[in-house]
Amino acid sequence: MEKVCNVSDLKEGKMRGFTVKNRYILLANVKSNFYAVDAICPHMGGFLPIGSLKNNIISCPVHGSKYDVTTGKLVKDVPTLTKLATGGGSQDLNSFPVTVKDDSIFIEL
């Protein structure tokens, strides 16, 4: 497990990107529960932490793919024309176990 930040560093409804063991990870606070997924969109490499978080859904800032941060599952793929133009759509994100101990947040890769 790797410590990424303190609980007080990530307010409810917010997300941030971290590098953990040379991997970009997005950490989100959804209703005081913490979730970690890949921070890079598998479609075209969009950096998800600069996208938006609404409830538990992350939107990619590049082409708008949407993911459930609690599971990493793709909930809305890129538009069909974008798939045709770029050679494919998106896919699920990897999700990672998060542990909170005292005021510290740990991610297990």
PDB file of N, CA and C in Angstrom:
ATOM      1  N   MET A   1       0.844  -1.186   0.000  1.00  0.00           N
ATOM      2  CA  MET A   1       0.000   0.000   0.000  1.00  0.00           C
ATOM      3  C   MET A   1       0.879   1.236   0.000  1.00  0.00           C
ATOM      4  N   GLU A   2       0.419   2.238  -0.719  1.00  0.00           N
ATOM      5  CA  GLU A   2       1.153   3.496  -0.819  1.00  0.00           C
ATOM      6  C   GLU A   2       0.277   4.636  -0.312  1.00  0.00           C
ATOM      7  N   LYS A   3       0.823   5.454   0.575  1.00  0.00           N
ATOM      8  CA  LYS A   3       0.092   6.630   1.018  1.00  0.00           C
ATOM      9  C   LYS A   3       0.090   7.669  -0.102  1.00  0.00           C
ATOM     10  N   VAL A   4      -1.105   8.217  -0.406  1.00  0.00           N
ATOM     11  CA  VAL A   4      -1.186   9.218  -1.462  1.00  0.00           C
ATOM     12  C   VAL A   4      -1.482  10.611  -0.935  1.00  0.00           C
ATOM     13  N   CYS A   5      -2.244  10.707   0.152  1.00  0.00           N
ATOM     14  CA  CYS A   5      -2.538  12.022   0.722  1.00  0.00           C
ATOM     15  C   CYS A   5      -3.273  11.837   2.048  1.00  0.00           C
ATOM     16  N   ASN A   6      -3.640  12.939   2.652  1.00  0.00           N
ATOM     17  CA  ASN A   6      -4.461  12.919   3.857  1.00  0.00           C
ATOM     18  C   ASN A   6      -5.925  13.099   3.478  1.00  0.00           C
ATOM     19  N   VAL A   7      -6.816  12.607   4.298  1.00  0.00           N
ATOM     20  CA  VAL A   7      -8.259  12.760   4.073  1.00  0.00           C
ATOM     21  C   VAL A   7      -8.607  14.232   3.883  1.00  0.00           C
ATOM     22  N   SER A   8      -8.004  15.083   4.680  1.00  0.00           N
ATOM     23  CA  SER A   8      -8.307  16.519   4.620  1.00  0.00           C
ATOM     24  C   SER A   8      -7.836  17.177   3.314  1.00  0.00           C
ATOM     25  N   ASP A   9      -7.006  16.485   2.533  1.00  0.00           N
ATOM     26  CA  ASP A   9      -6.510  17.035   1.267  1.00  0.00           C
ATOM     27  C   ASP A   9      -7.493  16.894   0.109  1.00  0.00           C
ATOM     28  N   LEU A  10      -8.538  16.090   0.283  1.00  0.00           N
ATOM     29  CA  LEU A  10      -9.468  15.821  -0.819  1.00  0.00           C
ATOM     30  C   LEU A  10     -10.902  15.986  -0.322  1.00  0.00           C
ATOM     31  N   LYS A  11     -11.459  17.142  -0.604  1.00  0.00           N
ATOM     32  CA  LYS A  11     -12.813  17.475  -0.155  1.00  0.00           C
ATOM     33  C   LYS A  11     -13.858  16.625  -0.871  1.00  0.00           C
ATOM     34  N   GLU A  12     -15.010  16.491  -0.252  1.00  0.00           N
ATOM     35  CA  GLU A  12     -16.114  15.727  -0.829  1.00  0.00           C
ATOM     36  C   GLU A  12     -16.504  16.291  -2.194  1.00  0.00           C
ATOM     37  N   GLY A  13     -16.709  15.393  -3.160  1.00  0.00           N
ATOM     38  CA  GLY A  13     -17.090  15.804  -4.508  1.00  0.00           C
ATOM     39  C   GLY A  13     -15.925  16.231  -5.385  1.00  0.00           C
ATOM     40  N   LYS A  14     -14.701  16.034  -4.912  1.00  0.00           N
ATOM     41  CA  LYS A  14     -13.508  16.441  -5.666  1.00  0.00           C
ATOM     42  C   LYS A  14     -12.682  15.223  -6.054  1.00  0.00           C
ATOM     43  N   MET A  15     -11.784  15.426  -7.003  1.00  0.00           N
ATOM     44  CA  MET A  15     -10.853  14.382  -7.428  1.00  0.00           C
ATOM     45  C   MET A  15      -9.494  15.008  -7.704  1.00  0.00           C
ATOM     46  N   ARG A  16      -8.459  14.175  -7.614  1.00  0.00           N
ATOM     47  CA  ARG A  16      -7.092  14.621  -7.874  1.00  0.00           C
ATOM     48  C   ARG A  16      -6.308  13.487  -8.495  1.00  0.00           C
ATOM     49  N   GLY A  17      -5.279  13.865  -9.223  1.00  0.00           N
ATOM     50  CA  GLY A  17      -4.389  12.877  -9.807  1.00  0.00           C
ATOM     51  C   GLY A  17      -3.132  12.715  -8.965  1.00  0.00           C
ATOM     52  N   PHE A  18      -2.616  11.494  -8.922  1.00  0.00           N
ATOM     53  CA  PHE A  18      -1.397  11.172  -8.192  1.00  0.00           C
ATOM     54  C   PHE A  18      -0.577  10.196  -9.028  1.00  0.00           C
ATOM     55  N   THR A  19       0.721  10.205  -8.798  1.00  0.00           N
ATOM     56  CA  THR A  19       1.582   9.188  -9.386  1.00  0.00           C
ATOM     57  C   THR A  19       1.941   8.211  -8.280  1.00  0.00           C
ATOM     58  N   VAL A  20       1.598   6.950  -8.498  1.00  0.00           N
ATOM     59  CA  VAL A  20       1.866   5.900  -7.520  1.00  0.00           C
ATOM     60  C   VAL A  20       2.602   4.777  -8.252  1.00  0.00           C
ATOM     61  N   LYS A  21       3.824   4.510  -7.837  1.00  0.00           N
ATOM     62  CA  LYS A  21       4.648   3.474  -8.478  1.00  0.00           C
ATOM     63  C   LYS A  21       4.675   3.652  -9.999  1.00  0.00           C
ATOM     64  N   ASN A  22       4.964   4.862 -10.427  1.00  0.00           N
ATOM     65  CA  ASN A  22       5.075   5.204 -11.854  1.00  0.00           C
ATOM     66  C   ASN A  22       3.775   5.020 -12.637  1.00  0.00           C
ATOM     67  N   ARG A  23       2.649   5.070 -11.956  1.00  0.00           N
ATOM     68  CA  ARG A  23       1.344   4.936 -12.609  1.00  0.00           C
ATOM     69  C   ARG A  23       0.488   6.130 -12.214  1.00  0.00           C
ATOM     70  N   TYR A  24      -0.235   6.713 -13.193  1.00  0.00           N
ATOM     71  CA  TYR A  24      -1.124   7.832 -12.902  1.00  0.00           C
ATOM     72  C   TYR A  24      -2.449   7.298 -12.369  1.00  0.00           C
ATOM     73  N   ILE A  25      -2.803   7.761 -11.183  1.00  0.00           N
ATOM     74  CA  ILE A  25      -4.014   7.320 -10.490  1.00  0.00           C
ATOM     75  C   ILE A  25      -4.897   8.520 -10.195  1.00  0.00           C
ATOM     76  N   LEU A  26      -6.197   8.349 -10.367  1.00  0.00           N
ATOM     77  CA  LEU A  26      -7.175   9.364  -9.986  1.00  0.00           C
ATOM     78  C   LEU A  26      -7.795   8.909  -8.675  1.00  0.00           C
ATOM     79  N   LEU A  27      -7.829   9.802  -7.698  1.00  0.00           N
ATOM     80  CA  LEU A  27      -8.467   9.546  -6.416  1.00  0.00           C
ATOM     81  C   LEU A  27      -9.643  10.490  -6.288  1.00  0.00           C
ATOM     82  N   ALA A  28     -10.816   9.955  -5.964  1.00  0.00           N
ATOM     83  CA  ALA A  28     -12.024  10.765  -5.857  1.00  0.00           C
ATOM     84  C   ALA A  28     -12.676  10.556  -4.496  1.00  0.00           C
ATOM     85  N   ASN A  29     -13.295  11.630  -3.999  1.00  0.00           N
ATOM     86  CA  ASN A  29     -14.065  11.590  -2.768  1.00  0.00           C
ATOM     87  C   ASN A  29     -15.538  11.707  -3.151  1.00  0.00           C
ATOM     88  N   VAL A  30     -16.272  10.612  -3.016  1.00  0.00           N
ATOM     89  CA  VAL A  30     -17.702  10.581  -3.336  1.00  0.00           C
ATOM     90  C   VAL A  30     -18.454  10.269  -2.056  1.00  0.00           C
ATOM     91  N   LYS A  31     -19.152  11.272  -1.542  1.00  0.00           N
ATOM     92  CA  LYS A  31     -19.940  11.119  -0.312  1.00  0.00           C
ATOM     93  C   LYS A  31     -19.092  10.558   0.827  1.00  0.00           C
ATOM     94  N   SER A  32     -17.891  11.111   0.977  1.00  0.00           N
ATOM     95  CA  SER A  32     -16.934  10.745   2.031  1.00  0.00           C
ATOM     96  C   SER A  32     -16.389   9.325   1.908  1.00  0.00           C
ATOM     97  N   ASN A  33     -16.529   8.726   0.740  1.00  0.00           N
ATOM     98  CA  ASN A  33     -15.877   7.457   0.428  1.00  0.00           C
ATOM     99  C   ASN A  33     -14.842   7.738  -0.656  1.00  0.00           C
ATOM    100  N   PHE A  34     -13.719   7.070  -0.568  1.00  0.00           N
ATOM    101  CA  PHE A  34     -12.618   7.331  -1.493  1.00  0.00           C
ATOM    102  C   PHE A  34     -12.465   6.177  -2.480  1.00  0.00           C
ATOM    103  N   TYR A  35     -12.250   6.540  -3.754  1.00  0.00           N
ATOM    104  CA  TYR A  35     -12.131   5.570  -4.836  1.00  0.00           C
ATOM    105  C   TYR A  35     -10.928   5.924  -5.696  1.00  0.00           C
ATOM    106  N   ALA A  36     -10.244   4.894  -6.192  1.00  0.00           N
ATOM    107  CA  ALA A  36      -9.073   5.101  -7.038  1.00  0.00           C
ATOM    108  C   ALA A  36      -9.221   4.311  -8.326  1.00  0.00           C
ATOM    109  N   VAL A  37      -8.958   4.984  -9.451  1.00  0.00           N
ATOM    110  CA  VAL A  37      -8.999   4.367 -10.778  1.00  0.00           C
ATOM    111  C   VAL A  37      -7.831   4.922 -11.591  1.00  0.00           C
ATOM    112  N   ASP A  38      -7.611   4.324 -12.770  1.00  0.00           N
ATOM    113  CA  ASP A  38      -6.611   4.884 -13.676  1.00  0.00           C
ATOM    114  C   ASP A  38      -6.946   6.342 -13.972  1.00  0.00           C
ATOM    115  N   ALA A  39      -5.929   7.171 -14.077  1.00  0.00           N
ATOM    116  CA  ALA A  39      -6.134   8.598 -14.343  1.00  0.00           C
ATOM    117  C   ALA A  39      -6.066   8.940 -15.820  1.00  0.00           C
ATOM    118  N   ILE A  40      -5.734   7.967 -16.655  1.00  0.00           N
ATOM    119  CA  ILE A  40      -5.602   8.203 -18.091  1.00  0.00           C
ATOM    120  C   ILE A  40      -6.733   7.486 -18.824  1.00  0.00           C
ATOM    121  N   CYS A  41      -7.471   8.233 -19.626  1.00  0.00           N
ATOM    122  CA  CYS A  41      -8.568   7.654 -20.402  1.00  0.00           C
ATOM    123  C   CYS A  41      -7.987   6.705 -21.451  1.00  0.00           C
ATOM    124  N   PRO A  42      -8.489   5.479 -21.534  1.00  0.00           N
ATOM    125  CA  PRO A  42      -7.946   4.527 -22.492  1.00  0.00           C
ATOM    126  C   PRO A  42      -8.278   4.843 -23.951  1.00  0.00           C
ATOM    127  N   HIS A  43      -9.185   5.773 -24.192  1.00  0.00           N
ATOM    128  CA  HIS A  43      -9.558   6.095 -25.568  1.00  0.00           C
ATOM    129  C   HIS A  43      -8.436   6.841 -26.284  1.00  0.00           C
ATOM    130  N   MET A  44      -8.055   8.021 -25.771  1.00  0.00           N
ATOM    131  CA  MET A  44      -6.994   8.798 -26.431  1.00  0.00           C
ATOM    132  C   MET A  44      -6.064   9.473 -25.430  1.00  0.00           C
ATOM    133  N   GLY A  45      -5.986   8.920 -24.228  1.00  0.00           N
ATOM    134  CA  GLY A  45      -5.007   9.409 -23.265  1.00  0.00           C
ATOM    135  C   GLY A  45      -5.371  10.678 -22.534  1.00  0.00           C
ATOM    136  N   GLY A  46      -6.658  11.040 -22.483  1.00  0.00           N
ATOM    137  CA  GLY A  46      -7.073  12.227 -21.730  1.00  0.00           C
ATOM    138  C   GLY A  46      -6.752  12.077 -20.251  1.00  0.00           C
ATOM    139  N   PHE A  47      -6.315  13.164 -19.631  1.00  0.00           N
ATOM    140  CA  PHE A  47      -5.983  13.148 -18.205  1.00  0.00           C
ATOM    141  C   PHE A  47      -7.264  13.402 -17.418  1.00  0.00           C
ATOM    142  N   LEU A  48      -7.847  12.337 -16.889  1.00  0.00           N
ATOM    143  CA  LEU A  48      -9.163  12.396 -16.254  1.00  0.00           C
ATOM    144  C   LEU A  48      -9.271  13.367 -15.072  1.00  0.00           C
ATOM    145  N   PRO A  49      -8.220  13.564 -14.259  1.00  0.00           N
ATOM    146  CA  PRO A  49      -8.364  14.508 -13.151  1.00  0.00           C
ATOM    147  C   PRO A  49      -8.682  15.946 -13.564  1.00  0.00           C
ATOM    148  N   ILE A  50      -8.469  16.305 -14.843  1.00  0.00           N
ATOM    149  CA  ILE A  50      -8.857  17.654 -15.270  1.00  0.00           C
ATOM    150  C   ILE A  50     -10.237  17.649 -15.929  1.00  0.00           C
ATOM    151  N   GLY A  51     -10.861  16.470 -15.954  1.00  0.00           N
ATOM    152  CA  GLY A  51     -12.237  16.367 -16.428  1.00  0.00           C
ATOM    153  C   GLY A  51     -13.185  16.820 -15.329  1.00  0.00           C
ATOM    154  N   SER A  52     -14.382  16.264 -15.336  1.00  0.00           N
ATOM    155  CA  SER A  52     -15.350  16.657 -14.309  1.00  0.00           C
ATOM    156  C   SER A  52     -15.842  15.430 -13.555  1.00  0.00           C
ATOM    157  N   LEU A  53     -16.256  15.674 -12.321  1.00  0.00           N
ATOM    158  CA  LEU A  53     -16.823  14.640 -11.461  1.00  0.00           C
ATOM    159  C   LEU A  53     -18.197  15.114 -11.027  1.00  0.00           C
ATOM    160  N   LYS A  54     -19.225  14.361 -11.396  1.00  0.00           N
ATOM    161  CA  LYS A  54     -20.588  14.671 -10.975  1.00  0.00           C
ATOM    162  C   LYS A  54     -21.141  13.426 -10.300  1.00  0.00           C
ATOM    163  N   ASN A  55     -21.423  13.549  -9.012  1.00  0.00           N
ATOM    164  CA  ASN A  55     -21.780  12.396  -8.188  1.00  0.00           C
ATOM    165  C   ASN A  55     -20.646  11.382  -8.285  1.00  0.00           C
ATOM    166  N   ASN A  56     -20.870  10.227  -8.890  1.00  0.00           N
ATOM    167  CA  ASN A  56     -19.815   9.218  -9.001  1.00  0.00           C
ATOM    168  C   ASN A  56     -19.329   9.027 -10.438  1.00  0.00           C
ATOM    169  N   ILE A  57     -19.667   9.962 -11.333  1.00  0.00           N
ATOM    170  CA  ILE A  57     -19.328   9.828 -12.746  1.00  0.00           C
ATOM    171  C   ILE A  57     -18.234  10.822 -13.139  1.00  0.00           C
ATOM    172  N   ILE A  58     -17.145  10.276 -13.710  1.00  0.00           N
ATOM    173  CA  ILE A  58     -16.042  11.081 -14.233  1.00  0.00           C
ATOM    174  C   ILE A  58     -16.274  11.257 -15.732  1.00  0.00           C
ATOM    175  N   SER A  59     -16.082  12.487 -16.224  1.00  0.00           N
ATOM    176  CA  SER A  59     -16.157  12.751 -17.666  1.00  0.00           C
ATOM    177  C   SER A  59     -14.768  13.100 -18.175  1.00  0.00           C
ATOM    178  N   CYS A  60     -14.351  12.424 -19.238  1.00  0.00           N
ATOM    179  CA  CYS A  60     -13.049  12.695 -19.849  1.00  0.00           C
ATOM    180  C   CYS A  60     -13.082  14.061 -20.532  1.00  0.00           C
ATOM    181  N   PRO A  61     -12.039  14.873 -20.343  1.00  0.00           N
ATOM    182  CA  PRO A  61     -12.016  16.200 -20.954  1.00  0.00           C
ATOM    183  C   PRO A  61     -11.747  16.185 -22.461  1.00  0.00           C
ATOM    184  N   VAL A  62     -11.370  15.044 -23.026  1.00  0.00           N
ATOM    185  CA  VAL A  62     -11.029  15.008 -24.449  1.00  0.00           C
ATOM    186  C   VAL A  62     -12.257  14.742 -25.321  1.00  0.00           C
ATOM    187  N   HIS A  63     -12.876  13.571 -25.189  1.00  0.00           N
ATOM    188  CA  HIS A  63     -14.019  13.237 -26.035  1.00  0.00           C
ATOM    189  C   HIS A  63     -15.280  12.899 -25.251  1.00  0.00           C
ATOM    190  N   GLY A  64     -15.254  13.039 -23.928  1.00  0.00           N
ATOM    191  CA  GLY A  64     -16.474  12.905 -23.142  1.00  0.00           C
ATOM    192  C   GLY A  64     -16.858  11.509 -22.694  1.00  0.00           C
ATOM    193  N   SER A  65     -15.958  10.531 -22.796  1.00  0.00           N
ATOM    194  CA  SER A  65     -16.269   9.221 -22.218  1.00  0.00           C
ATOM    195  C   SER A  65     -16.590   9.417 -20.743  1.00  0.00           C
ATOM    196  N   LYS A  66     -17.492   8.595 -20.220  1.00  0.00           N
ATOM    197  CA  LYS A  66     -17.882   8.701 -18.813  1.00  0.00           C
ATOM    198  C   LYS A  66     -17.652   7.372 -18.112  1.00  0.00           C
ATOM    199  N   TYR A  67     -17.157   7.472 -16.879  1.00  0.00           N
ATOM    200  CA  TYR A  67     -16.817   6.296 -16.083  1.00  0.00           C
ATOM    201  C   TYR A  67     -17.406   6.420 -14.687  1.00  0.00           C
ATOM    202  N   ASP A  68     -17.782   5.275 -14.124  1.00  0.00           N
ATOM    203  CA  ASP A  68     -18.206   5.225 -12.730  1.00  0.00           C
ATOM    204  C   ASP A  68     -16.945   5.079 -11.888  1.00  0.00           C
ATOM    205  N   VAL A  69     -16.632   6.090 -11.103  1.00  0.00           N
ATOM    206  CA  VAL A  69     -15.395   6.080 -10.319  1.00  0.00           C
ATOM    207  C   VAL A  69     -15.427   5.008  -9.223  1.00  0.00           C
ATOM    208  N   THR A  70     -16.607   4.539  -8.839  1.00  0.00           N
ATOM    209  CA  THR A  70     -16.689   3.533  -7.783  1.00  0.00           C
ATOM    210  C   THR A  70     -16.304   2.141  -8.277  1.00  0.00           C
ATOM    211  N   THR A  71     -16.355   1.930  -9.605  1.00  0.00           N
ATOM    212  CA  THR A  71     -16.059   0.611 -10.174  1.00  0.00           C
ATOM    213  C   THR A  71     -15.040   0.656 -11.309  1.00  0.00           C
ATOM    214  N   GLY A  72     -14.865   1.817 -11.933  1.00  0.00           N
ATOM    215  CA  GLY A  72     -14.022   1.951 -13.117  1.00  0.00           C
ATOM    216  C   GLY A  72     -14.757   1.613 -14.405  1.00  0.00           C
ATOM    217  N   LYS A  73     -16.017   1.220 -14.313  1.00  0.00           N
ATOM    218  CA  LYS A  73     -16.781   0.797 -15.494  1.00  0.00           C
ATOM    219  C   LYS A  73     -17.115   1.972 -16.408  1.00  0.00           C
ATOM    220  N   LEU A  74     -17.004   1.738 -17.707  1.00  0.00           N
ATOM    221  CA  LEU A  74     -17.406   2.698 -18.728  1.00  0.00           C
ATOM    222  C   LEU A  74     -18.929   2.777 -18.723  1.00  0.00           C
ATOM    223  N   VAL A  75     -19.477   3.985 -18.567  1.00  0.00           N
ATOM    224  CA  VAL A  75     -20.943   4.138 -18.579  1.00  0.00           C
ATOM    225  C   VAL A  75     -21.434   4.875 -19.815  1.00  0.00           C
ATOM    226  N   LYS A  76     -20.531   5.590 -20.502  1.00  0.00           N
ATOM    227  CA  LYS A  76     -20.894   6.256 -21.755  1.00  0.00           C
ATOM    228  C   LYS A  76     -19.634   6.347 -22.605  1.00  0.00           C
ATOM    229  N   ASP A  77     -19.698   5.720 -23.768  1.00  0.00           N
ATOM    230  CA  ASP A  77     -18.549   5.712 -24.671  1.00  0.00           C
ATOM    231  C   ASP A  77     -18.530   6.998 -25.493  1.00  0.00           C
ATOM    232  N   VAL A  78     -17.461   7.186 -26.236  1.00  0.00           N
ATOM    233  CA  VAL A  78     -17.351   8.331 -27.144  1.00  0.00           C
ATOM    234  C   VAL A  78     -18.397   8.183 -28.248  1.00  0.00           C
ATOM    235  N   PRO A  79     -18.793   9.289 -28.890  1.00  0.00           N
ATOM    236  CA  PRO A  79     -19.772   9.200 -29.980  1.00  0.00           C
ATOM    237  C   PRO A  79     -19.275   8.306 -31.121  1.00  0.00           C
ATOM    238  N   THR A  80     -20.213   7.712 -31.859  1.00  0.00           N
ATOM    239  CA  THR A  80     -19.889   6.793 -32.956  1.00  0.00           C
ATOM    240  C   THR A  80     -18.967   7.430 -33.984  1.00  0.00           C
ATOM    241  N   LEU A  81     -19.199   8.684 -34.351  1.00  0.00           N
ATOM    242  CA  LEU A  81     -18.330   9.341 -35.336  1.00  0.00           C
ATOM    243  C   LEU A  81     -16.906   9.477 -34.817  1.00  0.00           C
ATOM    244  N   THR A  82     -16.768   9.738 -33.518  1.00  0.00           N
ATOM    245  CA  THR A  82     -15.430   9.825 -32.921  1.00  0.00           C
ATOM    246  C   THR A  82     -14.753   8.457 -32.966  1.00  0.00           C
ATOM    247  N   LYS A  83     -15.511   7.390 -32.707  1.00  0.00           N
ATOM    248  CA  LYS A  83     -14.942   6.037 -32.792  1.00  0.00           C
ATOM    249  C   LYS A  83     -14.418   5.771 -34.197  1.00  0.00           C
ATOM    250  N   LEU A  84     -15.199   6.139 -35.195  1.00  0.00           N
ATOM    251  CA  LEU A  84     -14.785   5.919 -36.581  1.00  0.00           C
ATOM    252  C   LEU A  84     -13.537   6.726 -36.923  1.00  0.00           C
ATOM    253  N   ALA A  85     -13.495   7.968 -36.458  1.00  0.00           N
ATOM    254  CA  ALA A  85     -12.369   8.854 -36.784  1.00  0.00           C
ATOM    255  C   ALA A  85     -11.082   8.472 -36.052  1.00  0.00           C
ATOM    256  N   THR A  86     -11.212   7.884 -34.855  1.00  0.00           N
ATOM    257  CA  THR A  86     -10.025   7.600 -34.048  1.00  0.00           C
ATOM    258  C   THR A  86      -9.664   6.124 -34.004  1.00  0.00           C
ATOM    259  N   GLY A  87     -10.476   5.301 -34.633  1.00  0.00           N
ATOM    260  CA  GLY A  87     -10.148   3.886 -34.690  1.00  0.00           C
ATOM    261  C   GLY A  87     -10.674   3.056 -33.540  1.00  0.00           C
ATOM    262  N   GLY A  88     -11.550   3.591 -32.719  1.00  0.00           N
ATOM    263  CA  GLY A  88     -12.120   2.775 -31.649  1.00  0.00           C
ATOM    264  C   GLY A  88     -12.687   3.597 -30.524  1.00  0.00           C
ATOM    265  N   GLY A  89     -13.329   2.908 -29.634  1.00  0.00           N
ATOM    266  CA  GLY A  89     -13.949   3.558 -28.479  1.00  0.00           C
ATOM    267  C   GLY A  89     -13.128   3.379 -27.232  1.00  0.00           C
ATOM    268  N   SER A  90     -13.762   3.565 -26.111  1.00  0.00           N
ATOM    269  CA  SER A  90     -13.083   3.480 -24.835  1.00  0.00           C
ATOM    270  C   SER A  90     -13.360   2.119 -24.196  1.00  0.00           C
ATOM    271  N   GLN A  91     -12.827   1.925 -23.004  1.00  0.00           N
ATOM    272  CA  GLN A  91     -13.038   0.688 -22.255  1.00  0.00           C
ATOM    273  C   GLN A  91     -12.978   1.004 -20.774  1.00  0.00           C
ATOM    274  N   ASP A  92     -13.274   0.011 -19.941  1.00  0.00           N
ATOM    275  CA  ASP A  92     -13.266   0.221 -18.493  1.00  0.00           C
ATOM    276  C   ASP A  92     -11.886   0.659 -18.005  1.00  0.00           C
ATOM    277  N   LEU A  93     -11.900   1.363 -16.873  1.00  0.00           N
ATOM    278  CA  LEU A  93     -10.666   1.738 -16.180  1.00  0.00           C
ATOM    279  C   LEU A  93     -10.334   0.671 -15.148  1.00  0.00           C
ATOM    280  N   ASN A  94      -9.069   0.531 -14.824  1.00  0.00           N
ATOM    281  CA  ASN A  94      -8.689  -0.299 -13.683  1.00  0.00           C
ATOM    282  C   ASN A  94      -9.071   0.442 -12.417  1.00  0.00           C
ATOM    283  N   SER A  95      -9.553  -0.276 -11.422  1.00  0.00           N
ATOM    284  CA  SER A  95      -9.827   0.339 -10.126  1.00  0.00           C
ATOM    285  C   SER A  95      -8.907  -0.316  -9.100  1.00  0.00           C
ATOM    286  N   PHE A  96      -8.646   0.420  -8.019  1.00  0.00           N
ATOM    287  CA  PHE A  96      -7.673  -0.012  -7.037  1.00  0.00           C
ATOM    288  C   PHE A  96      -8.246   0.121  -5.632  1.00  0.00           C
ATOM    289  N   PRO A  97      -7.931  -0.832  -4.746  1.00  0.00           N
ATOM    290  CA  PRO A  97      -8.411  -0.749  -3.369  1.00  0.00           C
ATOM    291  C   PRO A  97      -7.851   0.482  -2.642  1.00  0.00           C
ATOM    292  N   VAL A  98      -8.719   1.130  -1.887  1.00  0.00           N
ATOM    293  CA  VAL A  98      -8.346   2.305  -1.099  1.00  0.00           C
ATOM    294  C   VAL A  98      -8.598   1.984   0.373  1.00  0.00           C
ATOM    295  N   THR A  99      -7.638   2.351   1.199  1.00  0.00           N
ATOM    296  CA  THR A  99      -7.762   2.174   2.642  1.00  0.00           C
ATOM    297  C   THR A  99      -7.549   3.519   3.312  1.00  0.00           C
ATOM    298  N   VAL A 100      -8.409   3.832   4.280  1.00  0.00           N
ATOM    299  CA  VAL A 100      -8.243   5.048   5.075  1.00  0.00           C
ATOM    300  C   VAL A 100      -7.866   4.614   6.481  1.00  0.00           C
ATOM    301  N   LYS A 101      -6.743   5.146   6.959  1.00  0.00           N
ATOM    302  CA  LYS A 101      -6.287   4.846   8.309  1.00  0.00           C
ATOM    303  C   LYS A 101      -5.924   6.157   8.975  1.00  0.00           C
ATOM    304  N   ASP A 102      -6.602   6.441  10.076  1.00  0.00           N
ATOM    305  CA  ASP A 102      -6.463   7.728  10.746  1.00  0.00           C
ATOM    306  C   ASP A 102      -6.810   8.819   9.720  1.00  0.00           C
ATOM    307  N   ASP A 103      -5.888   9.708   9.400  1.00  0.00           N
ATOM    308  CA  ASP A 103      -6.165  10.777   8.423  1.00  0.00           C
ATOM    309  C   ASP A 103      -5.452  10.510   7.094  1.00  0.00           C
ATOM    310  N   SER A 104      -4.959   9.289   6.899  1.00  0.00           N
ATOM    311  CA  SER A 104      -4.178   8.984   5.704  1.00  0.00           C
ATOM    312  C   SER A 104      -4.959   8.096   4.736  1.00  0.00           C
ATOM    313  N   ILE A 105      -4.766   8.356   3.425  1.00  0.00           N
ATOM    314  CA  ILE A 105      -5.390   7.556   2.373  1.00  0.00           C
ATOM    315  C   ILE A 105      -4.298   6.757   1.670  1.00  0.00           C
ATOM    316  N   PHE A 106      -4.514   5.444   1.582  1.00  0.00           N
ATOM    317  CA  PHE A 106      -3.570   4.534   0.952  1.00  0.00           C
ATOM    318  C   PHE A 106      -4.223   3.862  -0.246  1.00  0.00           C
ATOM    319  N   ILE A 107      -3.436   3.617  -1.292  1.00  0.00           N
ATOM    320  CA  ILE A 107      -3.906   2.915  -2.472  1.00  0.00           C
ATOM    321  C   ILE A 107      -3.042   1.673  -2.648  1.00  0.00           C
ATOM    322  N   GLU A 108      -3.691   0.570  -2.977  1.00  0.00           N
ATOM    323  CA  GLU A 108      -2.971  -0.673  -3.236  1.00  0.00           C
ATOM    324  C   GLU A 108      -2.960  -0.945  -4.729  1.00  0.00           C
ATOM    325  N   LEU A 109      -1.764  -1.049  -5.304  1.00  0.00           N
ATOM    326  CA  LEU A 109      -1.644  -1.364  -6.731  1.00  0.00           C
ATOM    327  C   LEU A 109      -1.327  -2.832  -6.917  1.00  0.00           C
TER     328      LEU A 109
END
